[in-house]
Amino acid sequence: MRAFFGGFVLALILVAVAGVAAVLTGVVPARQDVKPGMMERWAAKKSLAATMRREVPQPPYPIATPDEAGFVKGATLYVQNCAVCHGTAHSTPTAIAQGFAIHAPQFAKHGVDDDPVGETYWKIDHGIRFTAMPAFDQTMDQQSIWQIAYFLKNLPALPPRAKAVWENPSTVAPPTPAPVPSRSPGEGPPSDHAD
């Protein structure tokens, strides 16, 4: 029994060493133009599903379904922050959207109106690891994120003014840049590269 246990521990150590070696030698691709491997896709999907089961807000939501002005605000924020990857009513995928290893869904074709609004809110708020979906929790307030989530939930039946924004995104002004984070006195400029 001791030999079996020792062999089992040795096998685990060898697998761990092989995994670290694969990462350190670049065998595990870090390129966006290479499709993720089967194990990476499996791990990412399982992790996302488990995390969402645990964290997605459940009704009643803290922000109720908006009025028409709220839908227009959600549509405007969507066009300013999301359309470059996810498209609008009559757009084709942009070069940015086509350059992702994991393609961003185009909501005119692959809507999320069948997803619970809390799930869409969670994805916008936190982003999705191993994809190009960013987290907006540091750059948007919670009401804005809920407005986008409700806008996407109601794409098939938007109020007229919100539908006009979705169908004519050129009517929307560019987004206001996010403020530069303040630094404490004596700190240098923010680093432009990851460690």
C-alpha atoms as a PDB file:
ATOM      1  CA  MET A   1       0.000   0.000   0.000  1.00  0.00           C
ATOM      2  CA  ARG A   2       2.909   2.354   0.810  1.00  0.00           C
ATOM      3  CA  ALA A   3       4.387   1.747  -2.674  1.00  0.00           C
ATOM      4  CA  PHE A   4       1.029   2.576  -4.294  1.00  0.00           C
ATOM      5  CA  PHE A   5       0.702   5.793  -2.296  1.00  0.00           C
ATOM      6  CA  GLY A   6       4.311   6.755  -3.056  1.00  0.00           C
ATOM      7  CA  GLY A   7       3.763   6.100  -6.772  1.00  0.00           C
ATOM      8  CA  PHE A   8       0.596   8.170  -6.710  1.00  0.00           C
ATOM      9  CA  VAL A   9       2.361  11.129  -5.049  1.00  0.00           C
ATOM     10  CA  LEU A  10       5.267  10.819  -7.496  1.00  0.00           C
ATOM     11  CA  ALA A  11       2.827  10.858 -10.444  1.00  0.00           C
ATOM     12  CA  LEU A  12       1.187  14.029  -9.088  1.00  0.00           C
ATOM     13  CA  ILE A  13       4.580  15.690  -8.687  1.00  0.00           C
ATOM     14  CA  LEU A  14       5.587  14.738 -12.248  1.00  0.00           C
ATOM     15  CA  VAL A  15       2.314  16.110 -13.668  1.00  0.00           C
ATOM     16  CA  ALA A  16       2.817  19.375 -11.751  1.00  0.00           C
ATOM     17  CA  VAL A  17       6.443  19.676 -12.941  1.00  0.00           C
ATOM     18  CA  ALA A  18       5.373  18.968 -16.538  1.00  0.00           C
ATOM     19  CA  GLY A  19       2.657  21.635 -16.281  1.00  0.00           C
ATOM     20  CA  VAL A  20       5.064  24.242 -14.931  1.00  0.00           C
ATOM     21  CA  ALA A  21       7.625  23.323 -17.593  1.00  0.00           C
ATOM     22  CA  ALA A  22       4.981  23.692 -20.322  1.00  0.00           C
ATOM     23  CA  VAL A  23       4.132  27.186 -19.078  1.00  0.00           C
ATOM     24  CA  LEU A  24       7.740  28.292 -18.598  1.00  0.00           C
ATOM     25  CA  THR A  25       8.884  27.062 -22.013  1.00  0.00           C
ATOM     26  CA  GLY A  26       5.969  28.612 -23.908  1.00  0.00           C
ATOM     27  CA  VAL A  27       4.369  25.309 -24.904  1.00  0.00           C
ATOM     28  CA  VAL A  28       1.099  26.684 -23.458  1.00  0.00           C
ATOM     29  CA  PRO A  29       0.190  29.344 -26.039  1.00  0.00           C
ATOM     30  CA  ALA A  30      -0.284  32.922 -24.891  1.00  0.00           C
ATOM     31  CA  ARG A  31      -1.340  34.200 -28.314  1.00  0.00           C
ATOM     32  CA  GLN A  32      -4.806  35.536 -29.096  1.00  0.00           C
ATOM     33  CA  ASP A  33      -4.640  34.102 -32.638  1.00  0.00           C
ATOM     34  CA  VAL A  34      -4.483  30.497 -31.407  1.00  0.00           C
ATOM     35  CA  LYS A  35      -7.684  28.757 -30.416  1.00  0.00           C
ATOM     36  CA  PRO A  36      -7.691  27.569 -26.797  1.00  0.00           C
ATOM     37  CA  GLY A  37      -7.015  23.891 -26.320  1.00  0.00           C
ATOM     38  CA  MET A  38      -9.584  21.359 -25.165  1.00  0.00           C
ATOM     39  CA  MET A  39      -8.386  21.366 -21.531  1.00  0.00           C
ATOM     40  CA  GLU A  40      -8.325  25.170 -21.374  1.00  0.00           C
ATOM     41  CA  ARG A  41     -11.865  25.395 -22.819  1.00  0.00           C
ATOM     42  CA  TRP A  42     -13.126  22.725 -20.427  1.00  0.00           C
ATOM     43  CA  ALA A  43     -11.538  24.382 -17.376  1.00  0.00           C
ATOM     44  CA  ALA A  44     -12.737  27.860 -18.360  1.00  0.00           C
ATOM     45  CA  LYS A  45     -16.337  26.709 -18.985  1.00  0.00           C
ATOM     46  CA  LYS A  46     -16.528  24.668 -15.776  1.00  0.00           C
ATOM     47  CA  SER A  47     -14.989  27.469 -13.699  1.00  0.00           C
ATOM     48  CA  LEU A  48     -17.307  30.103 -15.220  1.00  0.00           C
ATOM     49  CA  ALA A  49     -20.414  27.979 -14.628  1.00  0.00           C
ATOM     50  CA  ALA A  50     -19.458  27.244 -11.009  1.00  0.00           C
ATOM     51  CA  THR A  51     -18.569  30.874 -10.278  1.00  0.00           C
ATOM     52  CA  MET A  52     -21.809  32.142 -11.801  1.00  0.00           C
ATOM     53  CA  ARG A  53     -23.901  29.614  -9.858  1.00  0.00           C
ATOM     54  CA  ARG A  54     -22.350  31.028  -6.709  1.00  0.00           C
ATOM     55  CA  GLU A  55     -22.252  34.758  -7.526  1.00  0.00           C
ATOM     56  CA  VAL A  56     -24.976  35.763 -10.024  1.00  0.00           C
ATOM     57  CA  PRO A  57     -27.542  38.013  -8.317  1.00  0.00           C
ATOM     58  CA  GLN A  58     -31.027  36.573  -8.003  1.00  0.00           C
ATOM     59  CA  PRO A  59     -34.346  38.459  -8.135  1.00  0.00           C
ATOM     60  CA  PRO A  60     -35.455  40.786  -6.759  1.00  0.00           C
ATOM     61  CA  TYR A  61     -32.670  42.837  -8.309  1.00  0.00           C
ATOM     62  CA  PRO A  62     -31.463  46.056  -6.668  1.00  0.00           C
ATOM     63  CA  ILE A  63     -32.362  48.046  -9.796  1.00  0.00           C
ATOM     64  CA  ALA A  64     -35.830  47.562 -11.292  1.00  0.00           C
ATOM     65  CA  THR A  65     -36.598  47.373 -15.012  1.00  0.00           C
ATOM     66  CA  PRO A  66     -35.960  50.909 -16.279  1.00  0.00           C
ATOM     67  CA  ASP A  67     -38.369  53.306 -17.923  1.00  0.00           C
ATOM     68  CA  GLU A  68     -37.788  54.376 -21.528  1.00  0.00           C
ATOM     69  CA  ALA A  69     -35.133  56.928 -20.502  1.00  0.00           C
ATOM     70  CA  GLY A  70     -33.275  54.145 -18.652  1.00  0.00           C
ATOM     71  CA  PHE A  71     -33.405  51.917 -21.734  1.00  0.00           C
ATOM     72  CA  VAL A  72     -32.029  54.791 -23.848  1.00  0.00           C
ATOM     73  CA  LYS A  73     -29.222  55.273 -21.323  1.00  0.00           C
ATOM     74  CA  GLY A  74     -28.490  51.521 -21.435  1.00  0.00           C
ATOM     75  CA  ALA A  75     -28.489  51.572 -25.246  1.00  0.00           C
ATOM     76  CA  THR A  76     -26.170  54.591 -25.295  1.00  0.00           C
ATOM     77  CA  LEU A  77     -23.739  53.010 -22.823  1.00  0.00           C
ATOM     78  CA  TYR A  78     -23.836  49.781 -24.834  1.00  0.00           C
ATOM     79  CA  VAL A  79     -22.970  51.585 -28.090  1.00  0.00           C
ATOM     80  CA  GLN A  80     -20.150  53.508 -26.375  1.00  0.00           C
ATOM     81  CA  ASN A  81     -18.578  50.578 -24.514  1.00  0.00           C
ATOM     82  CA  CYS A  82     -19.746  47.256 -25.946  1.00  0.00           C
ATOM     83  CA  ALA A  83     -20.658  47.592 -29.624  1.00  0.00           C
ATOM     84  CA  VAL A  84     -17.026  47.532 -30.789  1.00  0.00           C
ATOM     85  CA  CYS A  85     -16.932  43.854 -29.798  1.00  0.00           C
ATOM     86  CA  HIS A  86     -20.599  42.790 -29.783  1.00  0.00           C
ATOM     87  CA  GLY A  87     -22.014  44.833 -32.676  1.00  0.00           C
ATOM     88  CA  THR A  88     -25.288  46.669 -33.184  1.00  0.00           C
ATOM     89  CA  ALA A  89     -28.513  45.942 -35.048  1.00  0.00           C
ATOM     90  CA  HIS A  90     -27.088  46.103 -38.579  1.00  0.00           C
ATOM     91  CA  SER A  91     -23.327  45.830 -38.096  1.00  0.00           C
ATOM     92  CA  THR A  92     -20.877  43.170 -39.114  1.00  0.00           C
ATOM     93  CA  PRO A  93     -18.142  42.074 -36.680  1.00  0.00           C
ATOM     94  CA  THR A  94     -15.337  44.617 -36.361  1.00  0.00           C
ATOM     95  CA  ALA A  95     -11.665  43.771 -36.838  1.00  0.00           C
ATOM     96  CA  ILE A  96     -11.346  43.829 -33.043  1.00  0.00           C
ATOM     97  CA  ALA A  97     -14.170  41.309 -32.601  1.00  0.00           C
ATOM     98  CA  GLN A  98     -12.731  39.044 -35.306  1.00  0.00           C
ATOM     99  CA  GLY A  99      -9.275  39.086 -33.693  1.00  0.00           C
ATOM    100  CA  PHE A 100     -10.283  37.291 -30.505  1.00  0.00           C
ATOM    101  CA  ALA A 101      -9.466  33.602 -30.085  1.00  0.00           C
ATOM    102  CA  ILE A 102     -12.857  33.282 -28.419  1.00  0.00           C
ATOM    103  CA  HIS A 103     -15.204  35.279 -30.619  1.00  0.00           C
ATOM    104  CA  ALA A 104     -17.435  37.847 -28.952  1.00  0.00           C
ATOM    105  CA  PRO A 105     -21.111  37.037 -29.549  1.00  0.00           C
ATOM    106  CA  GLN A 106     -22.799  39.438 -31.958  1.00  0.00           C
ATOM    107  CA  PHE A 107     -25.988  40.359 -30.118  1.00  0.00           C
ATOM    108  CA  ALA A 108     -28.001  41.097 -33.268  1.00  0.00           C
ATOM    109  CA  LYS A 109     -27.626  37.352 -34.033  1.00  0.00           C
ATOM    110  CA  HIS A 110     -26.727  35.740 -30.694  1.00  0.00           C
ATOM    111  CA  GLY A 111     -28.858  37.683 -28.238  1.00  0.00           C
ATOM    112  CA  VAL A 112     -28.809  37.249 -24.496  1.00  0.00           C
ATOM    113  CA  ASP A 113     -32.504  37.984 -24.033  1.00  0.00           C
ATOM    114  CA  ASP A 114     -33.018  34.372 -22.932  1.00  0.00           C
ATOM    115  CA  ASP A 115     -30.455  34.765 -20.105  1.00  0.00           C
ATOM    116  CA  PRO A 116     -31.553  36.014 -16.693  1.00  0.00           C
ATOM    117  CA  VAL A 117     -30.810  39.734 -16.433  1.00  0.00           C
ATOM    118  CA  GLY A 118     -28.740  39.037 -13.294  1.00  0.00           C
ATOM    119  CA  GLU A 119     -26.424  36.784 -15.328  1.00  0.00           C
ATOM    120  CA  THR A 120     -25.888  39.463 -17.973  1.00  0.00           C
ATOM    121  CA  TYR A 121     -25.285  42.031 -15.236  1.00  0.00           C
ATOM    122  CA  TRP A 122     -22.671  39.752 -13.615  1.00  0.00           C
ATOM    123  CA  LYS A 123     -20.789  39.275 -16.912  1.00  0.00           C
ATOM    124  CA  ILE A 124     -20.654  43.033 -17.529  1.00  0.00           C
ATOM    125  CA  ASP A 125     -19.710  43.826 -13.940  1.00  0.00           C
ATOM    126  CA  HIS A 126     -16.973  41.192 -13.511  1.00  0.00           C
ATOM    127  CA  GLY A 127     -15.905  40.285 -17.051  1.00  0.00           C
ATOM    128  CA  ILE A 128     -14.948  36.757 -18.066  1.00  0.00           C
ATOM    129  CA  ARG A 129     -11.456  35.396 -17.549  1.00  0.00           C
ATOM    130  CA  PHE A 130      -9.709  33.747 -20.526  1.00  0.00           C
ATOM    131  CA  THR A 131     -11.789  35.837 -22.952  1.00  0.00           C
ATOM    132  CA  ALA A 132     -11.567  39.457 -24.031  1.00  0.00           C
ATOM    133  CA  MET A 133     -14.633  40.403 -21.930  1.00  0.00           C
ATOM    134  CA  PRO A 134     -13.469  43.142 -19.536  1.00  0.00           C
ATOM    135  CA  ALA A 135     -14.837  43.927 -16.084  1.00  0.00           C
ATOM    136  CA  PHE A 136     -16.664  47.251 -15.942  1.00  0.00           C
ATOM    137  CA  ASP A 137     -17.007  47.371 -12.151  1.00  0.00           C
ATOM    138  CA  GLN A 138     -14.179  49.934 -11.857  1.00  0.00           C
ATOM    139  CA  THR A 139     -15.291  52.179 -14.723  1.00  0.00           C
ATOM    140  CA  MET A 140     -19.105  52.216 -14.481  1.00  0.00           C
ATOM    141  CA  ASP A 141     -21.509  52.645 -11.606  1.00  0.00           C
ATOM    142  CA  GLN A 142     -23.893  49.832 -10.740  1.00  0.00           C
ATOM    143  CA  GLN A 143     -26.966  51.580 -12.154  1.00  0.00           C
ATOM    144  CA  SER A 144     -25.254  51.948 -15.560  1.00  0.00           C
ATOM    145  CA  ILE A 145     -24.316  48.255 -15.602  1.00  0.00           C
ATOM    146  CA  TRP A 146     -27.902  47.258 -14.747  1.00  0.00           C
ATOM    147  CA  GLN A 147     -29.202  49.575 -17.502  1.00  0.00           C
ATOM    148  CA  ILE A 148     -27.020  47.816 -20.077  1.00  0.00           C
ATOM    149  CA  ALA A 149     -28.126  44.409 -18.759  1.00  0.00           C
ATOM    150  CA  TYR A 150     -31.823  45.367 -19.017  1.00  0.00           C
ATOM    151  CA  PHE A 151     -31.230  46.847 -22.483  1.00  0.00           C
ATOM    152  CA  LEU A 152     -29.733  43.519 -23.672  1.00  0.00           C
ATOM    153  CA  LYS A 153     -32.481  41.484 -21.995  1.00  0.00           C
ATOM    154  CA  ASN A 154     -35.115  43.486 -23.869  1.00  0.00           C
ATOM    155  CA  LEU A 155     -33.457  43.712 -27.323  1.00  0.00           C
ATOM    156  CA  PRO A 156     -36.379  42.024 -29.102  1.00  0.00           C
ATOM    157  CA  ALA A 157     -38.899  44.526 -27.674  1.00  0.00           C
ATOM    158  CA  LEU A 158     -37.131  47.827 -26.941  1.00  0.00           C
ATOM    159  CA  PRO A 159     -39.005  51.089 -26.478  1.00  0.00           C
ATOM    160  CA  PRO A 160     -38.824  53.221 -29.665  1.00  0.00           C
ATOM    161  CA  ARG A 161     -36.095  55.655 -28.561  1.00  0.00           C
ATOM    162  CA  ALA A 162     -33.811  52.857 -27.309  1.00  0.00           C
ATOM    163  CA  LYS A 163     -34.445  50.859 -30.499  1.00  0.00           C
ATOM    164  CA  ALA A 164     -33.407  53.930 -32.516  1.00  0.00           C
ATOM    165  CA  VAL A 165     -30.042  54.008 -30.703  1.00  0.00           C
ATOM    166  CA  TRP A 166     -29.542  50.254 -31.309  1.00  0.00           C
ATOM    167  CA  GLU A 167     -30.348  50.642 -35.018  1.00  0.00           C
ATOM    168  CA  ASN A 168     -28.500  53.968 -35.560  1.00  0.00           C
ATOM    169  CA  PRO A 169     -25.406  53.924 -33.323  1.00  0.00           C
ATOM    170  CA  SER A 170     -23.845  56.874 -35.175  1.00  0.00           C
ATOM    171  CA  THR A 171     -26.271  59.133 -33.284  1.00  0.00           C
ATOM    172  CA  VAL A 172     -24.386  58.408 -30.044  1.00  0.00           C
ATOM    173  CA  ALA A 173     -21.490  60.600 -28.915  1.00  0.00           C
ATOM    174  CA  PRO A 174     -18.180  58.853 -28.141  1.00  0.00           C
ATOM    175  CA  PRO A 175     -17.719  57.799 -24.529  1.00  0.00           C
ATOM    176  CA  THR A 176     -16.110  60.091 -22.002  1.00  0.00           C
ATOM    177  CA  PRO A 177     -12.668  58.707 -21.146  1.00  0.00           C
ATOM    178  CA  ALA A 178     -12.379  57.151 -17.696  1.00  0.00           C
ATOM    179  CA  PRO A 179     -10.490  59.344 -15.240  1.00  0.00           C
ATOM    180  CA  VAL A 180      -6.822  58.555 -14.667  1.00  0.00           C
ATOM    181  CA  PRO A 181      -6.404  56.939 -11.243  1.00  0.00           C
ATOM    182  CA  SER A 182      -4.820  59.298  -8.756  1.00  0.00           C
ATOM    183  CA  ARG A 183      -1.451  58.402  -7.276  1.00  0.00           C
ATOM    184  CA  SER A 184       0.022  59.209  -3.917  1.00  0.00           C
ATOM    185  CA  PRO A 185       2.703  61.923  -3.823  1.00  0.00           C
ATOM    186  CA  GLY A 186       6.115  60.504  -4.701  1.00  0.00           C
ATOM    187  CA  GLU A 187       4.782  57.580  -6.759  1.00  0.00           C
ATOM    188  CA  GLY A 188       5.981  57.321 -10.305  1.00  0.00           C
ATOM    189  CA  PRO A 189       3.753  56.963 -13.346  1.00  0.00           C
ATOM    190  CA  PRO A 190       1.660  53.793 -13.639  1.00  0.00           C
ATOM    191  CA  SER A 191       3.465  50.842 -15.195  1.00  0.00           C
ATOM    192  CA  ASP A 192       2.677  50.137 -18.836  1.00  0.00           C
ATOM    193  CA  HIS A 193       3.492  46.443 -18.624  1.00  0.00           C
ATOM    194  CA  ALA A 194       2.417  43.446 -16.606  1.00  0.00           C
ATOM    195  CA  ASP A 195       4.946  41.671 -14.430  1.00  0.00           C
END
